[in-house]
Amino acid sequence: MIVLTFATGVGDAVGYLGFDKVFVGNMTGNIVIIGMALAGSSGLPLFGPLIALAGFSAGAAGAGWVLRGPELRWTWRVSAILGASSLILMTVSAAAWLFDGQLSPMQKNVFATAMAFEMGLQACVARGLAVRDMTTVVVTSTLVSFAGESLVGRPKGRVWNRRLAAVTAILAGALTGAALQHVHLVLAMAAASCLTIGMTVTGHLRWNGRSSGAQTD
């Protein structure tokens, strides 16, 4: 989940800096931008955040349908959803590379929406796995827990470390994504893709290993 949180930071850096101020993971940011744009604030997009919000919701709905049921652990369905998520990121990265990063406004909106759809899949998986304070797409609530609970000594150390790791991961991801874009937009997108692929393969292999061990026992 920390790896996915880092990838979200990379993705949102790509969306905001490369796709004309559209967040692909932080839907709160998009809703705020939509509100300000509707109020007539200049320089803010409306269409891009709107369709990204729709894409994110569609991804979350699709993942929720696949994951429906009482299980809160890594299963083949989690691997399938994250595999699809990785494929989306790979496809968007390849398409951006073909255009050499020179994208029209409409292409930017399409790519941002595809990435938002992927983030919706990812966020629903994180919610299904129910790792405390690891939503992967937003850290506002995690920061509240860290400041209001961890810093005053209420939870145990492991949760304290997890909360700090989540906030640090999304910050580091945004920093990495922004830095890579100075070289090329595709590099940042490819980084998010590779991270998601690696995390998916690792998680699936660990789940299979545990399942095989349980059957042997």
Foldseek 3Di string as FASTA:
>chain_A
DLLLLLLQLLQQLLLCVQQQHARLQPLVSLVVLCVVVVVPDPSGDHVLSVLSVVLLVVLLVVLCVLLPDDDQADDVSLLVLLVVLLVLLVVLLVVCVVVQSDDDNVNSSVSSSSSSSSSSNVQNNCVSNPDPQPSSRDNPVLVCCLVVAVVVPHDDDVSNVVSVSSVVSSVNSNVVNNVVVVVNSSVSSVVSSVSSVVVSVVRVVVVVVVVVVVVVD
